[in-house]
Amino acid sequence: TWSVGDFCYLEDLFVAPTARKQGVARALIEAVYA
């Protein structure tokens, strides 16, 4: 109701424990932004 354009709800985000602290979550969020 606050915009003509859509909103984007990032509902789920998960990184495998062995891949954490390697920038994976940041890269996924940046891809969502794009």
PDB file of all heavy atoms in Angstrom:
ATOM      1  N   THR A   1       0.816  -1.222   0.000  1.00  0.00           N
ATOM      2  CA  THR A   1       0.000   0.000   0.000  1.00  0.00           C
ATOM      3  C   THR A   1       0.842   1.262   0.000  1.00  0.00           C
ATOM      4  O   THR A   1       0.302   2.355  -0.174  1.00  0.00           O
ATOM      5  CB  THR A   1      -0.926   0.025   1.231  1.00  0.00           C
ATOM      6  OG1 THR A   1      -0.125  -0.025   2.417  1.00  0.00           O
ATOM      7  CG2 THR A   1      -1.900  -1.141   1.194  1.00  0.00           C
ATOM      8  N   TRP A   2       2.158   1.144   0.163  1.00  0.00           N
ATOM      9  CA  TRP A   2       3.033   2.306   0.259  1.00  0.00           C
ATOM     10  C   TRP A   2       3.862   2.517  -0.996  1.00  0.00           C
ATOM     11  O   TRP A   2       4.795   3.322  -0.996  1.00  0.00           O
ATOM     12  CB  TRP A   2       3.962   2.161   1.458  1.00  0.00           C
ATOM     13  CG  TRP A   2       3.262   2.328   2.776  1.00  0.00           C
ATOM     14  CD1 TRP A   2       2.071   1.774   3.158  1.00  0.00           C
ATOM     15  CD2 TRP A   2       3.709   3.095   3.871  1.00  0.00           C
ATOM     16  NE1 TRP A   2       1.755   2.150   4.423  1.00  0.00           N
ATOM     17  CE2 TRP A   2       2.758   2.963   4.903  1.00  0.00           C
ATOM     18  CE3 TRP A   2       4.825   3.871   4.105  1.00  0.00           C
ATOM     19  CZ2 TRP A   2       2.882   3.588   6.129  1.00  0.00           C
ATOM     20  CZ3 TRP A   2       4.957   4.491   5.341  1.00  0.00           C
ATOM     21  CH2 TRP A   2       3.986   4.344   6.333  1.00  0.00           C
ATOM     22  N   SER A   3       3.553   1.815  -2.069  1.00  0.00           N
ATOM     23  CA  SER A   3       4.353   1.921  -3.282  1.00  0.00           C
ATOM     24  C   SER A   3       3.537   1.460  -4.487  1.00  0.00           C
ATOM     25  O   SER A   3       2.679   0.584  -4.360  1.00  0.00           O
ATOM     26  CB  SER A   3       5.606   1.047  -3.152  1.00  0.00           C
ATOM     27  OG  SER A   3       6.342   1.029  -4.343  1.00  0.00           O
ATOM     28  N   VAL A   4       3.833   2.040  -5.633  1.00  0.00           N
ATOM     29  CA  VAL A   4       3.226   1.559  -6.876  1.00  0.00           C
ATOM     30  C   VAL A   4       3.891   0.244  -7.287  1.00  0.00           C
ATOM     31  O   VAL A   4       3.242  -0.682  -7.740  1.00  0.00           O
ATOM     32  CB  VAL A   4       3.368   2.617  -8.000  1.00  0.00           C
ATOM     33  CG1 VAL A   4       2.894   2.057  -9.329  1.00  0.00           C
ATOM     34  CG2 VAL A   4       2.600   3.873  -7.628  1.00  0.00           C
ATOM     35  N   GLY A   5       5.206   0.190  -7.096  1.00  0.00           N
ATOM     36  CA  GLY A   5       5.946  -1.032  -7.413  1.00  0.00           C
ATOM     37  C   GLY A   5       5.805  -2.071  -6.313  1.00  0.00           C
ATOM     38  O   GLY A   5       5.349  -1.783  -5.203  1.00  0.00           O
ATOM     39  N   ASP A   6       6.200  -3.280  -6.646  1.00  0.00           N
ATOM     40  CA  ASP A   6       6.143  -4.377  -5.683  1.00  0.00           C
ATOM     41  C   ASP A   6       7.188  -4.211  -4.581  1.00  0.00           C
ATOM     42  O   ASP A   6       8.146  -3.449  -4.706  1.00  0.00           O
ATOM     43  CB  ASP A   6       6.400  -5.710  -6.388  1.00  0.00           C
ATOM     44  CG  ASP A   6       5.207  -6.195  -7.181  1.00  0.00           C
ATOM     45  OD1 ASP A   6       4.110  -5.643  -7.027  1.00  0.00           O
ATOM     46  OD2 ASP A   6       5.384  -7.150  -7.971  1.00  0.00           O
ATOM     47  N   PHE A   7       7.019  -4.981  -3.524  1.00  0.00           N
ATOM     48  CA  PHE A   7       8.012  -5.160  -2.482  1.00  0.00           C
ATOM     49  C   PHE A   7       8.581  -6.565  -2.634  1.00  0.00           C
ATOM     50  O   PHE A   7       7.932  -7.451  -3.196  1.00  0.00           O
ATOM     51  CB  PHE A   7       7.401  -5.020  -1.087  1.00  0.00           C
ATOM     52  CG  PHE A   7       6.912  -3.640  -0.757  1.00  0.00           C
ATOM     53  CD1 PHE A   7       5.820  -3.472   0.061  1.00  0.00           C
ATOM     54  CD2 PHE A   7       7.531  -2.512  -1.255  1.00  0.00           C
ATOM     55  CE1 PHE A   7       5.358  -2.204   0.397  1.00  0.00           C
ATOM     56  CE2 PHE A   7       7.090  -1.238  -0.934  1.00  0.00           C
ATOM     57  CZ  PHE A   7       5.995  -1.087  -0.102  1.00  0.00           C
ATOM     58  N   CYS A   8       9.763  -6.767  -2.097  1.00  0.00           N
ATOM     59  CA  CYS A   8      10.415  -8.076  -2.140  1.00  0.00           C
ATOM     60  C   CYS A   8      10.668  -8.541  -0.718  1.00  0.00           C
ATOM     61  O   CYS A   8      11.439  -7.915   0.015  1.00  0.00           O
ATOM     62  CB  CYS A   8      11.733  -7.973  -2.920  1.00  0.00           C
ATOM     63  SG  CYS A   8      12.659  -9.519  -2.984  1.00  0.00           S
ATOM     64  N   TYR A   9      10.011  -9.617  -0.345  1.00  0.00           N
ATOM     65  CA  TYR A   9      10.187 -10.201   0.981  1.00  0.00           C
ATOM     66  C   TYR A   9      11.175 -11.356   0.873  1.00  0.00           C
ATOM     67  O   TYR A   9      10.922 -12.335   0.178  1.00  0.00           O
ATOM     68  CB  TYR A   9       8.846 -10.693   1.532  1.00  0.00           C
ATOM     69  CG  TYR A   9       8.965 -11.424   2.843  1.00  0.00           C
ATOM     70  CD1 TYR A   9       9.663 -10.867   3.910  1.00  0.00           C
ATOM     71  CD2 TYR A   9       8.382 -12.656   3.030  1.00  0.00           C
ATOM     72  CE1 TYR A   9       9.772 -11.527   5.129  1.00  0.00           C
ATOM     73  CE2 TYR A   9       8.476 -13.330   4.237  1.00  0.00           C
ATOM     74  CZ  TYR A   9       9.175 -12.759   5.270  1.00  0.00           C
ATOM     75  OH  TYR A   9       9.284 -13.416   6.467  1.00  0.00           O
ATOM     76  N   LEU A  10      12.304 -11.223   1.520  1.00  0.00           N
ATOM     77  CA  LEU A  10      13.297 -12.289   1.584  1.00  0.00           C
ATOM     78  C   LEU A  10      12.851 -13.218   2.715  1.00  0.00           C
ATOM     79  O   LEU A  10      13.062 -12.920   3.890  1.00  0.00           O
ATOM     80  CB  LEU A  10      14.678 -11.686   1.843  1.00  0.00           C
ATOM     81  CG  LEU A  10      15.887 -12.577   1.651  1.00  0.00           C
ATOM     82  CD1 LEU A  10      17.141 -11.717   1.536  1.00  0.00           C
ATOM     83  CD2 LEU A  10      16.033 -13.611   2.717  1.00  0.00           C
ATOM     84  N   GLU A  11      12.210 -14.309   2.346  1.00  0.00           N
ATOM     85  CA  GLU A  11      11.576 -15.157   3.356  1.00  0.00           C
ATOM     86  C   GLU A  11      12.545 -16.133   4.010  1.00  0.00           C
ATOM     87  O   GLU A  11      12.475 -16.373   5.215  1.00  0.00           O
ATOM     88  CB  GLU A  11      10.401 -15.925   2.743  1.00  0.00           C
ATOM     89  CG  GLU A  11       9.615 -16.685   3.770  1.00  0.00           C
ATOM     90  CD  GLU A  11       8.267 -17.154   3.282  1.00  0.00           C
ATOM     91  OE1 GLU A  11       7.926 -16.939   2.107  1.00  0.00           O
ATOM     92  OE2 GLU A  11       7.537 -17.735   4.092  1.00  0.00           O
ATOM     93  N   ASP A  12      13.432 -16.711   3.227  1.00  0.00           N
ATOM     94  CA  ASP A  12      14.345 -17.721   3.751  1.00  0.00           C
ATOM     95  C   ASP A  12      15.758 -17.442   3.242  1.00  0.00           C
ATOM     96  O   ASP A  12      15.942 -17.079   2.071  1.00  0.00           O
ATOM     97  CB  ASP A  12      13.954 -19.129   3.272  1.00  0.00           C
ATOM     98  CG  ASP A  12      12.511 -19.487   3.555  1.00  0.00           C
ATOM     99  OD1 ASP A  12      12.085 -19.336   4.720  1.00  0.00           O
ATOM    100  OD2 ASP A  12      11.811 -19.929   2.625  1.00  0.00           O
ATOM    101  N   LEU A  13      16.737 -17.660   4.099  1.00  0.00           N
ATOM    102  CA  LEU A  13      18.148 -17.550   3.730  1.00  0.00           C
ATOM    103  C   LEU A  13      18.902 -18.581   4.546  1.00  0.00           C
ATOM    104  O   LEU A  13      18.759 -18.625   5.779  1.00  0.00           O
ATOM    105  CB  LEU A  13      18.680 -16.147   4.042  1.00  0.00           C
ATOM    106  CG  LEU A  13      20.181 -15.924   3.848  1.00  0.00           C
ATOM    107  CD1 LEU A  13      20.555 -16.006   2.376  1.00  0.00           C
ATOM    108  CD2 LEU A  13      20.587 -14.572   4.417  1.00  0.00           C
ATOM    109  N   PHE A  14      19.677 -19.416   3.861  1.00  0.00           N
ATOM    110  CA  PHE A  14      20.423 -20.452   4.570  1.00  0.00           C
ATOM    111  C   PHE A  14      21.722 -20.730   3.840  1.00  0.00           C
ATOM    112  O   PHE A  14      21.751 -20.797   2.610  1.00  0.00           O
ATOM    113  CB  PHE A  14      19.607 -21.748   4.669  1.00  0.00           C
ATOM    114  CG  PHE A  14      20.284 -22.825   5.478  1.00  0.00           C
ATOM    115  CD1 PHE A  14      20.353 -22.742   6.851  1.00  0.00           C
ATOM    116  CD2 PHE A  14      20.860 -23.914   4.848  1.00  0.00           C
ATOM    117  CE1 PHE A  14      20.981 -23.733   7.603  1.00  0.00           C
ATOM    118  CE2 PHE A  14      21.482 -24.906   5.579  1.00  0.00           C
ATOM    119  CZ  PHE A  14      21.553 -24.821   6.963  1.00  0.00           C
ATOM    120  N   VAL A  15      22.771 -20.896   4.626  1.00  0.00           N
ATOM    121  CA  VAL A  15      24.087 -21.269   4.107  1.00  0.00           C
ATOM    122  C   VAL A  15      24.529 -22.528   4.846  1.00  0.00           C
ATOM    123  O   VAL A  15      24.412 -22.610   6.080  1.00  0.00           O
ATOM    124  CB  VAL A  15      25.111 -20.133   4.301  1.00  0.00           C
ATOM    125  CG1 VAL A  15      26.504 -20.564   3.881  1.00  0.00           C
ATOM    126  CG2 VAL A  15      24.672 -18.886   3.527  1.00  0.00           C
ATOM    127  N   ALA A  16      25.031 -23.498   4.095  1.00  0.00           N
ATOM    128  CA  ALA A  16      25.517 -24.731   4.704  1.00  0.00           C
ATOM    129  C   ALA A  16      26.586 -24.403   5.746  1.00  0.00           C
ATOM    130  O   ALA A  16      27.417 -23.511   5.526  1.00  0.00           O
ATOM    131  CB  ALA A  16      26.099 -25.652   3.629  1.00  0.00           C
ATOM    132  N   PRO A  17      26.582 -25.098   6.878  1.00  0.00           N
ATOM    133  CA  PRO A  17      27.559 -24.802   7.930  1.00  0.00           C
ATOM    134  C   PRO A  17      29.009 -24.791   7.442  1.00  0.00           C
ATOM    135  O   PRO A  17      29.806 -23.971   7.883  1.00  0.00           O
ATOM    136  CB  PRO A  17      27.316 -25.910   8.963  1.00  0.00           C
ATOM    137  CG  PRO A  17      25.868 -26.264   8.785  1.00  0.00           C
ATOM    138  CD  PRO A  17      25.617 -26.126   7.301  1.00  0.00           C
ATOM    139  N   THR A  18      29.348 -25.663   6.509  1.00  0.00           N
ATOM    140  CA  THR A  18      30.725 -25.731   6.005  1.00  0.00           C
ATOM    141  C   THR A  18      31.098 -24.546   5.121  1.00  0.00           C
ATOM    142  O   THR A  18      32.280 -24.346   4.830  1.00  0.00           O
ATOM    143  CB  THR A  18      30.939 -27.027   5.205  1.00  0.00           C
ATOM    144  OG1 THR A  18      29.980 -27.067   4.142  1.00  0.00           O
ATOM    145  CG2 THR A  18      30.786 -28.257   6.089  1.00  0.00           C
ATOM    146  N   ALA A  19      30.104 -23.763   4.694  1.00  0.00           N
ATOM    147  CA  ALA A  19      30.360 -22.631   3.791  1.00  0.00           C
ATOM    148  C   ALA A  19      30.166 -21.280   4.473  1.00  0.00           C
ATOM    149  O   ALA A  19      30.250 -20.242   3.812  1.00  0.00           O
ATOM    150  CB  ALA A  19      29.453 -22.740   2.568  1.00  0.00           C
ATOM    151  N   ARG A  20      29.940 -21.283   5.756  1.00  0.00           N
ATOM    152  CA  ARG A  20      29.690 -20.025   6.464  1.00  0.00           C
ATOM    153  C   ARG A  20      30.975 -19.213   6.636  1.00  0.00           C
ATOM    154  O   ARG A  20      32.072 -19.751   6.584  1.00  0.00           O
ATOM    155  CB  ARG A  20      29.042 -20.299   7.815  1.00  0.00           C
ATOM    156  CG  ARG A  20      27.641 -20.853   7.628  1.00  0.00           C
ATOM    157  CD  ARG A  20      26.873 -21.011   8.891  1.00  0.00           C
ATOM    158  NE  ARG A  20      25.582 -21.612   8.563  1.00  0.00           N
ATOM    159  CZ  ARG A  20      24.899 -22.377   9.370  1.00  0.00           C
ATOM    160  NH1 ARG A  20      25.351 -22.620  10.584  1.00  0.00           N
ATOM    161  NH2 ARG A  20      23.751 -22.881   8.994  1.00  0.00           N
ATOM    162  N   LYS A  21      30.797 -17.912   6.803  1.00  0.00           N
ATOM    163  CA  LYS A  21      31.893 -16.953   6.987  1.00  0.00           C
ATOM    164  C   LYS A  21      32.792 -16.868   5.744  1.00  0.00           C
ATOM    165  O   LYS A  21      33.982 -16.579   5.849  1.00  0.00           O
ATOM    166  CB  LYS A  21      32.707 -17.281   8.237  1.00  0.00           C
ATOM    167  CG  LYS A  21      31.869 -17.217   9.513  1.00  0.00           C
ATOM    168  CD  LYS A  21      32.717 -17.099  10.729  1.00  0.00           C
ATOM    169  CE  LYS A  21      31.931 -17.135  12.003  1.00  0.00           C
ATOM    170  NZ  LYS A  21      30.995 -16.073  12.219  1.00  0.00           N
ATOM    171  N   GLN A  22      32.191 -17.124   4.581  1.00  0.00           N
ATOM    172  CA  GLN A  22      32.922 -17.039   3.317  1.00  0.00           C
ATOM    173  C   GLN A  22      32.253 -16.057   2.354  1.00  0.00           C
ATOM    174  O   GLN A  22      32.562 -16.051   1.169  1.00  0.00           O
ATOM    175  CB  GLN A  22      33.027 -18.421   2.668  1.00  0.00           C
ATOM    176  CG  GLN A  22      33.793 -19.428   3.505  1.00  0.00           C
ATOM    177  CD  GLN A  22      33.785 -20.812   2.902  1.00  0.00           C
ATOM    178  OE1 GLN A  22      33.726 -20.984   1.691  1.00  0.00           O
ATOM    179  NE2 GLN A  22      33.836 -21.828   3.756  1.00  0.00           N
ATOM    180  N   GLY A  23      31.283 -15.288   2.846  1.00  0.00           N
ATOM    181  CA  GLY A  23      30.617 -14.307   2.007  1.00  0.00           C
ATOM    182  C   GLY A  23      29.419 -14.821   1.237  1.00  0.00           C
ATOM    183  O   GLY A  23      28.871 -14.101   0.402  1.00  0.00           O
ATOM    184  N   VAL A  24      28.988 -16.039   1.504  1.00  0.00           N
ATOM    185  CA  VAL A  24      27.870 -16.632   0.764  1.00  0.00           C
ATOM    186  C   VAL A  24      26.567 -15.898   1.068  1.00  0.00           C
ATOM    187  O   VAL A  24      25.818 -15.532   0.151  1.00  0.00           O
ATOM    188  CB  VAL A  24      27.741 -18.141   1.059  1.00  0.00           C
ATOM    189  CG1 VAL A  24      26.544 -18.735   0.311  1.00  0.00           C
ATOM    190  CG2 VAL A  24      29.025 -18.874   0.689  1.00  0.00           C
ATOM    191  N   ALA A  25      26.275 -15.669   2.336  1.00  0.00           N
ATOM    192  CA  ALA A  25      25.024 -14.991   2.702  1.00  0.00           C
ATOM    193  C   ALA A  25      24.991 -13.584   2.108  1.00  0.00           C
ATOM    194  O   ALA A  25      23.972 -13.158   1.556  1.00  0.00           O
ATOM    195  CB  ALA A  25      24.864 -14.938   4.216  1.00  0.00           C
ATOM    196  N   ARG A  26      26.095 -12.857   2.210  1.00  0.00           N
ATOM    197  CA  ARG A  26      26.159 -11.514   1.635  1.00  0.00           C
ATOM    198  C   ARG A  26      25.922 -11.565   0.123  1.00  0.00           C
ATOM    199  O   ARG A  26      25.154 -10.769  -0.415  1.00  0.00           O
ATOM    200  CB  ARG A  26      27.508 -10.871   1.929  1.00  0.00           C
ATOM    201  CG  ARG A  26      27.633  -9.477   1.320  1.00  0.00           C
ATOM    202  CD  ARG A  26      29.024  -8.906   1.536  1.00  0.00           C
ATOM    203  NE  ARG A  26      29.284  -8.609   2.935  1.00  0.00           N
ATOM    204  CZ  ARG A  26      29.059  -7.430   3.496  1.00  0.00           C
ATOM    205  NH1 ARG A  26      28.571  -6.433   2.785  1.00  0.00           N
ATOM    206  NH2 ARG A  26      29.334  -7.237   4.763  1.00  0.00           N
ATOM    207  N   ALA A  27      26.541 -12.515  -0.549  1.00  0.00           N
ATOM    208  CA  ALA A  27      26.371 -12.631  -2.002  1.00  0.00           C
ATOM    209  C   ALA A  27      24.921 -12.953  -2.362  1.00  0.00           C
ATOM    210  O   ALA A  27      24.385 -12.429  -3.349  1.00  0.00           O
ATOM    211  CB  ALA A  27      27.317 -13.695  -2.563  1.00  0.00           C
ATOM    212  N   LEU A  28      24.288 -13.816  -1.582  1.00  0.00           N
ATOM    213  CA  LEU A  28      22.880 -14.136  -1.842  1.00  0.00           C
ATOM    214  C   LEU A  28      21.991 -12.909  -1.640  1.00  0.00           C
ATOM    215  O   LEU A  28      21.108 -12.636  -2.452  1.00  0.00           O
ATOM    216  CB  LEU A  28      22.423 -15.288  -0.945  1.00  0.00           C
ATOM    217  CG  LEU A  28      22.899 -16.676  -1.363  1.00  0.00           C
ATOM    218  CD1 LEU A  28      22.748 -17.672  -0.223  1.00  0.00           C
ATOM    219  CD2 LEU A  28      22.145 -17.145  -2.605  1.00  0.00           C
ATOM    220  N   ILE A  29      22.224 -12.159  -0.575  1.00  0.00           N
ATOM    221  CA  ILE A  29      21.416 -10.961  -0.330  1.00  0.00           C
ATOM    222  C   ILE A  29      21.648  -9.922  -1.425  1.00  0.00           C
ATOM    223  O   ILE A  29      20.699  -9.302  -1.913  1.00  0.00           O
ATOM    224  CB  ILE A  29      21.686 -10.381   1.066  1.00  0.00           C
ATOM    225  CG1 ILE A  29      21.172 -11.347   2.141  1.00  0.00           C
ATOM    226  CG2 ILE A  29      21.016  -9.018   1.227  1.00  0.00           C
ATOM    227  CD1 ILE A  29      21.603 -10.999   3.555  1.00  0.00           C
ATOM    228  N   GLU A  30      22.880  -9.746  -1.835  1.00  0.00           N
ATOM    229  CA  GLU A  30      23.167  -8.801  -2.920  1.00  0.00           C
ATOM    230  C   GLU A  30      22.495  -9.235  -4.218  1.00  0.00           C
ATOM    231  O   GLU A  30      22.019  -8.397  -4.990  1.00  0.00           O
ATOM    232  CB  GLU A  30      24.668  -8.631  -3.080  1.00  0.00           C
ATOM    233  CG  GLU A  30      25.275  -7.847  -1.928  1.00  0.00           C
ATOM    234  CD  GLU A  30      26.797  -7.767  -1.953  1.00  0.00           C
ATOM    235  OE1 GLU A  30      27.428  -8.420  -2.810  1.00  0.00           O
ATOM    236  OE2 GLU A  30      27.344  -7.048  -1.094  1.00  0.00           O
ATOM    237  N   ALA A  31      22.414 -10.545  -4.449  1.00  0.00           N
ATOM    238  CA  ALA A  31      21.700 -11.046  -5.634  1.00  0.00           C
ATOM    239  C   ALA A  31      20.203 -10.768  -5.520  1.00  0.00           C
ATOM    240  O   ALA A  31      19.541 -10.469  -6.517  1.00  0.00           O
ATOM    241  CB  ALA A  31      21.967 -12.536  -5.821  1.00  0.00           C
ATOM    242  N   VAL A  32      19.661 -10.857  -4.312  1.00  0.00           N
ATOM    243  CA  VAL A  32      18.255 -10.497  -4.088  1.00  0.00           C
ATOM    244  C   VAL A  32      18.057  -9.014  -4.383  1.00  0.00           C
ATOM    245  O   VAL A  32      17.089  -8.630  -5.047  1.00  0.00           O
ATOM    246  CB  VAL A  32      17.799 -10.850  -2.660  1.00  0.00           C
ATOM    247  CG1 VAL A  32      16.437 -10.231  -2.348  1.00  0.00           C
ATOM    248  CG2 VAL A  32      17.759 -12.360  -2.469  1.00  0.00           C
ATOM    249  N   TYR A  33      18.970  -8.182  -3.904  1.00  0.00           N
ATOM    250  CA  TYR A  33      18.892  -6.748  -4.196  1.00  0.00           C
ATOM    251  C   TYR A  33      18.870  -6.510  -5.705  1.00  0.00           C
ATOM    252  O   TYR A  33      18.074  -5.708  -6.207  1.00  0.00           O
ATOM    253  CB  TYR A  33      20.072  -6.001  -3.583  1.00  0.00           C
ATOM    254  CG  TYR A  33      20.050  -5.803  -2.090  1.00  0.00           C
ATOM    255  CD1 TYR A  33      21.193  -5.360  -1.439  1.00  0.00           C
ATOM    256  CD2 TYR A  33      18.913  -6.027  -1.315  1.00  0.00           C
ATOM    257  CE1 TYR A  33      21.205  -5.150  -0.061  1.00  0.00           C
ATOM    258  CE2 TYR A  33      18.917  -5.825   0.054  1.00  0.00           C
ATOM    259  CZ  TYR A  33      20.062  -5.381   0.675  1.00  0.00           C
ATOM    260  OH  TYR A  33      20.070  -5.165   2.029  1.00  0.00           O
ATOM    261  N   ALA A  34      19.737  -7.194  -6.433  1.00  0.00           N
ATOM    262  CA  ALA A  34      19.800  -7.020  -7.888  1.00  0.00           C
ATOM    263  C   ALA A  34      18.505  -7.482  -8.556  1.00  0.00           C
ATOM    264  O   ALA A  34      17.992  -6.813  -9.462  1.00  0.00           O
ATOM    265  CB  ALA A  34      21.001  -7.780  -8.461  1.00  0.00           C
TER     266      ALA A  34
END
